[in-house]
Amino acid sequence: HAKFLRTIASAFSLTNLDVIPKGVTLRALSGFQPKDAVLLLNVLHHAGYDFDPSLPRTVAAFTEYATDYLKALAGKRQYLFFQMGSNWGGDVHNPLVPRDAHIEKLRYFASLLVNGGWTICRVAYPKRTAGVIAYHDLPEMVVGALNDDPEHVFEEVLLAGLRGFALDEFPGEFYKRPLFTCVSTHVRPLA
């Protein structure tokens, strides 16, 4: 991801992009300078393994940590592009949420974001069409329900939103991860 972002920055002469190619600790977030957006892609589930190693290895401890982490970001960034794996530390034997429990995963990740001070604007999943994989948004009704009460959204609403996404056709876990676009509930737009 870091190499890709540097390539994009170079190709488009972006000078206001900071790439941090490692896990950033919760404590380190306090030193972040305000910026418009952060891409937090497939990193947070490595907390307790690749950074902040003192984090107790329980789902409850991770949930509290992840919520605090997202709150710290919400105070420093206006926009968040977020994706997270469901296997803690990348270990398939240590799931935060079962890999193929798509509804439970969507509720859990949305809860982390909403409780962490973010409003979810979009949620996208991959679809394979004519051999090409591209991300497509869930319906606005589903996104609105996730923002209102992510832990208690009716299963029928989430199932309807996921209809047409054949997530089980993808091997492994990576393509089963929703991609969230969020706006902070705490930060005013930068001038």
C-alpha atoms as a PDB file:
ATOM      1  CA  HIS A   1       0.000   0.000   0.000  1.00  0.00           C
ATOM      2  CA  ALA A   2       2.776   2.452   0.892  1.00  0.00           C
ATOM      3  CA  LYS A   3       4.545   1.896  -2.442  1.00  0.00           C
ATOM      4  CA  PHE A   4       1.262   2.334  -4.342  1.00  0.00           C
ATOM      5  CA  LEU A   5       0.484   5.595  -2.524  1.00  0.00           C
ATOM      6  CA  ARG A   6       3.967   6.975  -3.210  1.00  0.00           C
ATOM      7  CA  THR A   7       3.576   6.078  -6.898  1.00  0.00           C
ATOM      8  CA  ILE A   8       0.214   7.873  -7.069  1.00  0.00           C
ATOM      9  CA  ALA A   9       1.626  10.889  -5.220  1.00  0.00           C
ATOM     10  CA  SER A  10       4.526  11.092  -7.659  1.00  0.00           C
ATOM     11  CA  ALA A  11       2.353  10.588 -10.754  1.00  0.00           C
ATOM     12  CA  PHE A  12      -0.020  13.377  -9.738  1.00  0.00           C
ATOM     13  CA  SER A  13       2.589  15.661  -8.101  1.00  0.00           C
ATOM     14  CA  LEU A  14       0.863  15.449  -4.734  1.00  0.00           C
ATOM     15  CA  THR A  15       2.980  17.181  -2.134  1.00  0.00           C
ATOM     16  CA  ASN A  16       0.553  17.116   0.793  1.00  0.00           C
ATOM     17  CA  LEU A  17       0.567  13.339   1.292  1.00  0.00           C
ATOM     18  CA  ASP A  18       2.270  11.641   4.215  1.00  0.00           C
ATOM     19  CA  VAL A  19       2.850   7.891   3.872  1.00  0.00           C
ATOM     20  CA  ILE A  20       3.546   6.007   7.094  1.00  0.00           C
ATOM     21  CA  PRO A  21       4.483   2.459   6.056  1.00  0.00           C
ATOM     22  CA  LYS A  22       4.080   0.874   9.486  1.00  0.00           C
ATOM     23  CA  GLY A  23       1.567   0.426  12.250  1.00  0.00           C
ATOM     24  CA  VAL A  24       1.044   3.686  14.138  1.00  0.00           C
ATOM     25  CA  THR A  25       0.536   3.313  17.858  1.00  0.00           C
ATOM     26  CA  LEU A  26      -2.389   4.878  19.677  1.00  0.00           C
ATOM     27  CA  ARG A  27       0.034   7.119  21.573  1.00  0.00           C
ATOM     28  CA  ALA A  28       1.663   8.290  18.309  1.00  0.00           C
ATOM     29  CA  LEU A  29      -1.700   9.548  17.024  1.00  0.00           C
ATOM     30  CA  SER A  30      -1.540  12.425  19.510  1.00  0.00           C
ATOM     31  CA  GLY A  31       1.402  13.824  17.536  1.00  0.00           C
ATOM     32  CA  PHE A  32      -0.438  13.804  14.203  1.00  0.00           C
ATOM     33  CA  GLN A  33      -0.964  17.210  12.665  1.00  0.00           C
ATOM     34  CA  PRO A  34      -4.477  17.939  11.357  1.00  0.00           C
ATOM     35  CA  LYS A  35      -4.991  16.819   7.762  1.00  0.00           C
ATOM     36  CA  ASP A  36      -8.023  16.408   5.546  1.00  0.00           C
ATOM     37  CA  ALA A  37      -8.133  12.621   5.325  1.00  0.00           C
ATOM     38  CA  VAL A  38      -6.549   9.373   6.360  1.00  0.00           C
ATOM     39  CA  LEU A  39      -6.439   6.040   4.579  1.00  0.00           C
ATOM     40  CA  LEU A  40      -6.518   3.374   7.288  1.00  0.00           C
ATOM     41  CA  LEU A  41      -6.520   0.325   5.076  1.00  0.00           C
ATOM     42  CA  ASN A  42      -6.006  -3.147   6.517  1.00  0.00           C
ATOM     43  CA  VAL A  43      -3.900  -1.969   9.461  1.00  0.00           C
ATOM     44  CA  LEU A  44      -5.971  -1.710  12.647  1.00  0.00           C
ATOM     45  CA  HIS A  45      -6.492  -5.459  13.090  1.00  0.00           C
ATOM     46  CA  HIS A  46      -2.696  -5.785  13.530  1.00  0.00           C
ATOM     47  CA  ALA A  47      -2.790  -3.810  16.818  1.00  0.00           C
ATOM     48  CA  GLY A  48      -1.494  -5.963  19.632  1.00  0.00           C
ATOM     49  CA  TYR A  49       0.731  -7.865  17.208  1.00  0.00           C
ATOM     50  CA  ASP A  50       2.659  -5.483  14.941  1.00  0.00           C
ATOM     51  CA  PHE A  51       2.233  -2.371  17.112  1.00  0.00           C
ATOM     52  CA  ASP A  52       0.988  -1.653  20.634  1.00  0.00           C
ATOM     53  CA  PRO A  53       2.050  -5.165  21.723  1.00  0.00           C
ATOM     54  CA  SER A  54       0.878  -4.698  25.317  1.00  0.00           C
ATOM     55  CA  LEU A  55      -2.768  -4.779  24.194  1.00  0.00           C
ATOM     56  CA  PRO A  56      -4.465  -7.692  26.023  1.00  0.00           C
ATOM     57  CA  ARG A  57      -5.465 -10.471  23.632  1.00  0.00           C
ATOM     58  CA  THR A  58      -9.229 -10.385  24.127  1.00  0.00           C
ATOM     59  CA  VAL A  59     -11.869  -9.218  21.671  1.00  0.00           C
ATOM     60  CA  ALA A  60     -13.268  -6.879  24.342  1.00  0.00           C
ATOM     61  CA  ALA A  61      -9.847  -5.257  24.837  1.00  0.00           C
ATOM     62  CA  PHE A  62      -9.367  -4.926  21.074  1.00  0.00           C
ATOM     63  CA  THR A  63     -12.819  -3.379  20.651  1.00  0.00           C
ATOM     64  CA  GLU A  64     -12.099  -0.756  23.315  1.00  0.00           C
ATOM     65  CA  TYR A  65      -8.653  -0.075  21.826  1.00  0.00           C
ATOM     66  CA  ALA A  66      -9.988   0.216  18.251  1.00  0.00           C
ATOM     67  CA  THR A  67     -12.737   2.590  19.363  1.00  0.00           C
ATOM     68  CA  ASP A  68     -10.199   4.784  21.178  1.00  0.00           C
ATOM     69  CA  TYR A  69      -7.913   4.663  18.124  1.00  0.00           C
ATOM     70  CA  LEU A  70     -10.708   5.774  15.809  1.00  0.00           C
ATOM     71  CA  LYS A  71     -11.710   8.539  18.269  1.00  0.00           C
ATOM     72  CA  ALA A  72      -8.131   9.832  18.230  1.00  0.00           C
ATOM     73  CA  LEU A  73      -8.210   9.929  14.424  1.00  0.00           C
ATOM     74  CA  ALA A  74     -11.648  11.590  14.398  1.00  0.00           C
ATOM     75  CA  GLY A  75     -10.150  14.472  16.340  1.00  0.00           C
ATOM     76  CA  LYS A  76      -7.380  14.952  13.758  1.00  0.00           C
ATOM     77  CA  ARG A  77      -8.948  14.132  10.387  1.00  0.00           C
ATOM     78  CA  GLN A  78     -12.134  15.114   8.581  1.00  0.00           C
ATOM     79  CA  TYR A  79     -12.377  12.043   6.329  1.00  0.00           C
ATOM     80  CA  LEU A  80     -11.521   8.390   6.853  1.00  0.00           C
ATOM     81  CA  PHE A  81     -11.227   5.618   4.305  1.00  0.00           C
ATOM     82  CA  PHE A  82     -11.299   2.450   6.374  1.00  0.00           C
ATOM     83  CA  GLN A  83     -10.907  -1.251   5.788  1.00  0.00           C
ATOM     84  CA  MET A  84     -10.010  -3.864   8.372  1.00  0.00           C
ATOM     85  CA  GLY A  85      -9.473  -7.588   8.462  1.00  0.00           C
ATOM     86  CA  SER A  86     -11.502  -9.833  10.704  1.00  0.00           C
ATOM     87  CA  ASN A  87      -8.545 -12.003  11.765  1.00  0.00           C
ATOM     88  CA  TRP A  88      -6.683 -10.366  14.621  1.00  0.00           C
ATOM     89  CA  GLY A  89      -3.026  -9.922  13.739  1.00  0.00           C
ATOM     90  CA  GLY A  90      -3.757 -11.678  10.441  1.00  0.00           C
ATOM     91  CA  ASP A  91      -4.030 -14.985  12.335  1.00  0.00           C
ATOM     92  CA  VAL A  92      -6.888 -17.119  10.960  1.00  0.00           C
ATOM     93  CA  HIS A  93      -6.984 -18.947  14.293  1.00  0.00           C
ATOM     94  CA  ASN A  94      -7.754 -15.721  16.159  1.00  0.00           C
ATOM     95  CA  PRO A  95     -10.805 -14.103  14.535  1.00  0.00           C
ATOM     96  CA  LEU A  96     -12.336 -10.889  15.815  1.00  0.00           C
ATOM     97  CA  VAL A  97     -15.360 -11.823  13.734  1.00  0.00           C
ATOM     98  CA  PRO A  98     -15.739 -15.062  11.767  1.00  0.00           C
ATOM     99  CA  ARG A  99     -14.477 -14.613   8.196  1.00  0.00           C
ATOM    100  CA  ASP A 100     -17.726 -15.573   6.483  1.00  0.00           C
ATOM    101  CA  ALA A 101     -20.121 -13.972   8.987  1.00  0.00           C
ATOM    102  CA  HIS A 102     -20.738 -11.013   6.671  1.00  0.00           C
ATOM    103  CA  ILE A 103     -23.571  -9.461   8.656  1.00  0.00           C
ATOM    104  CA  GLU A 104     -21.783  -9.786  11.997  1.00  0.00           C
ATOM    105  CA  LYS A 105     -18.628  -8.329  10.420  1.00  0.00           C
ATOM    106  CA  LEU A 106     -20.517  -5.375   8.932  1.00  0.00           C
ATOM    107  CA  ARG A 107     -22.186  -4.638  12.285  1.00  0.00           C
ATOM    108  CA  TYR A 108     -18.909  -4.936  14.220  1.00  0.00           C
ATOM    109  CA  PHE A 109     -16.871  -2.699  11.916  1.00  0.00           C
ATOM    110  CA  ALA A 110     -19.703  -0.122  11.692  1.00  0.00           C
ATOM    111  CA  SER A 111     -19.970  -0.105  15.506  1.00  0.00           C
ATOM    112  CA  LEU A 112     -16.252   0.606  15.829  1.00  0.00           C
ATOM    113  CA  LEU A 113     -16.581   3.529  13.432  1.00  0.00           C
ATOM    114  CA  VAL A 114     -19.776   5.061  14.837  1.00  0.00           C
ATOM    115  CA  ASN A 115     -18.619   4.664  18.442  1.00  0.00           C
ATOM    116  CA  GLY A 116     -15.248   6.077  17.371  1.00  0.00           C
ATOM    117  CA  GLY A 117     -16.760   9.383  16.245  1.00  0.00           C
ATOM    118  CA  TRP A 118     -17.342   8.762  12.541  1.00  0.00           C
ATOM    119  CA  THR A 119     -20.417   9.026  10.346  1.00  0.00           C
ATOM    120  CA  ILE A 120     -20.415   6.374   7.644  1.00  0.00           C
ATOM    121  CA  CYS A 121     -21.036   7.923   4.212  1.00  0.00           C
ATOM    122  CA  ARG A 122     -20.524   4.877   2.014  1.00  0.00           C
ATOM    123  CA  VAL A 123     -19.828   1.172   2.351  1.00  0.00           C
ATOM    124  CA  ALA A 124     -18.557  -0.771  -0.639  1.00  0.00           C
ATOM    125  CA  TYR A 125     -17.903  -4.424  -1.410  1.00  0.00           C
ATOM    126  CA  PRO A 126     -16.278  -6.015  -4.429  1.00  0.00           C
ATOM    127  CA  LYS A 127     -18.178  -7.587  -7.315  1.00  0.00           C
ATOM    128  CA  ARG A 128     -16.717  -9.562 -10.170  1.00  0.00           C
ATOM    129  CA  THR A 129     -18.182  -8.556 -13.515  1.00  0.00           C
ATOM    130  CA  ALA A 130     -16.776  -9.953 -16.762  1.00  0.00           C
ATOM    131  CA  GLY A 131     -13.603 -11.006 -14.935  1.00  0.00           C
ATOM    132  CA  VAL A 132     -13.000  -7.555 -13.446  1.00  0.00           C
ATOM    133  CA  ILE A 133     -13.278  -6.916  -9.710  1.00  0.00           C
ATOM    134  CA  ALA A 134     -14.615  -3.484  -8.750  1.00  0.00           C
ATOM    135  CA  TYR A 135     -16.135  -2.069  -5.584  1.00  0.00           C
ATOM    136  CA  HIS A 136     -19.821  -1.127  -5.489  1.00  0.00           C
ATOM    137  CA  ASP A 137     -21.750   0.733  -2.793  1.00  0.00           C
ATOM    138  CA  LEU A 138     -24.367  -0.696  -0.480  1.00  0.00           C
ATOM    139  CA  PRO A 139     -27.746   1.078  -0.689  1.00  0.00           C
ATOM    140  CA  GLU A 140     -28.052   4.377   1.206  1.00  0.00           C
ATOM    141  CA  MET A 141     -30.826   2.874   3.356  1.00  0.00           C
ATOM    142  CA  VAL A 142     -28.372   0.292   4.734  1.00  0.00           C
ATOM    143  CA  VAL A 143     -25.704   2.918   5.405  1.00  0.00           C
ATOM    144  CA  GLY A 144     -28.241   5.086   7.228  1.00  0.00           C
ATOM    145  CA  ALA A 145     -29.317   2.153   9.396  1.00  0.00           C
ATOM    146  CA  LEU A 146     -25.673   1.409  10.264  1.00  0.00           C
ATOM    147  CA  ASN A 147     -25.193   5.001  11.413  1.00  0.00           C
ATOM    148  CA  ASP A 148     -28.374   4.978  13.519  1.00  0.00           C
ATOM    149  CA  ASP A 149     -27.696   1.796  15.515  1.00  0.00           C
ATOM    150  CA  PRO A 150     -25.071  -0.494  13.952  1.00  0.00           C
ATOM    151  CA  GLU A 151     -25.374  -3.287  16.483  1.00  0.00           C
ATOM    152  CA  HIS A 152     -29.136  -3.658  16.064  1.00  0.00           C
ATOM    153  CA  VAL A 153     -29.796  -3.192  12.341  1.00  0.00           C
ATOM    154  CA  PHE A 154     -32.372  -5.739  11.257  1.00  0.00           C
ATOM    155  CA  GLU A 155     -30.709  -8.718   9.621  1.00  0.00           C
ATOM    156  CA  GLU A 156     -33.193  -8.481   6.729  1.00  0.00           C
ATOM    157  CA  VAL A 157     -31.993  -4.937   5.950  1.00  0.00           C
ATOM    158  CA  LEU A 158     -28.357  -6.046   5.850  1.00  0.00           C
ATOM    159  CA  LEU A 159     -29.152  -9.165   3.821  1.00  0.00           C
ATOM    160  CA  ALA A 160     -31.039  -7.041   1.295  1.00  0.00           C
ATOM    161  CA  GLY A 161     -28.075  -4.658   1.086  1.00  0.00           C
ATOM    162  CA  LEU A 162     -25.627  -7.495   0.510  1.00  0.00           C
ATOM    163  CA  ARG A 163     -27.811  -9.133  -2.142  1.00  0.00           C
ATOM    164  CA  GLY A 164     -25.890  -9.273  -5.385  1.00  0.00           C
ATOM    165  CA  PHE A 165     -22.504  -9.391  -3.677  1.00  0.00           C
ATOM    166  CA  ALA A 166     -21.273 -12.974  -4.037  1.00  0.00           C
ATOM    167  CA  LEU A 167     -18.681 -12.595  -1.300  1.00  0.00           C
ATOM    168  CA  ASP A 168     -18.296 -16.333  -0.849  1.00  0.00           C
ATOM    169  CA  GLU A 169     -16.973 -16.663  -4.404  1.00  0.00           C
ATOM    170  CA  PHE A 170     -13.769 -14.945  -3.333  1.00  0.00           C
ATOM    171  CA  PRO A 171     -11.091 -17.124  -1.732  1.00  0.00           C
ATOM    172  CA  GLY A 172      -9.515 -16.019   1.525  1.00  0.00           C
ATOM    173  CA  GLU A 173     -10.600 -13.034   3.554  1.00  0.00           C
ATOM    174  CA  PHE A 174      -9.338  -9.928   1.764  1.00  0.00           C
ATOM    175  CA  TYR A 175     -12.246  -9.440  -0.674  1.00  0.00           C
ATOM    176  CA  LYS A 176     -14.765 -10.092   2.099  1.00  0.00           C
ATOM    177  CA  ARG A 177     -13.745  -6.846   3.823  1.00  0.00           C
ATOM    178  CA  PRO A 178     -16.104  -3.885   3.468  1.00  0.00           C
ATOM    179  CA  LEU A 179     -14.547  -0.558   2.496  1.00  0.00           C
ATOM    180  CA  PHE A 180     -15.943   2.419   4.441  1.00  0.00           C
ATOM    181  CA  THR A 181     -15.884   6.120   3.588  1.00  0.00           C
ATOM    182  CA  CYS A 182     -16.535   8.221   6.698  1.00  0.00           C
ATOM    183  CA  VAL A 183     -16.627  11.800   7.901  1.00  0.00           C
ATOM    184  CA  SER A 184     -15.610  12.835  11.415  1.00  0.00           C
ATOM    185  CA  THR A 185     -18.269  14.013  13.802  1.00  0.00           C
ATOM    186  CA  HIS A 186     -15.586  15.992  15.696  1.00  0.00           C
ATOM    187  CA  VAL A 187     -13.511  17.952  13.173  1.00  0.00           C
ATOM    188  CA  ARG A 188     -14.526  21.083  11.339  1.00  0.00           C
ATOM    189  CA  PRO A 189     -13.352  21.344   7.715  1.00  0.00           C
ATOM    190  CA  LEU A 190      -9.873  22.768   7.303  1.00  0.00           C
ATOM    191  CA  ALA A 191      -9.709  26.273   5.838  1.00  0.00           C
END
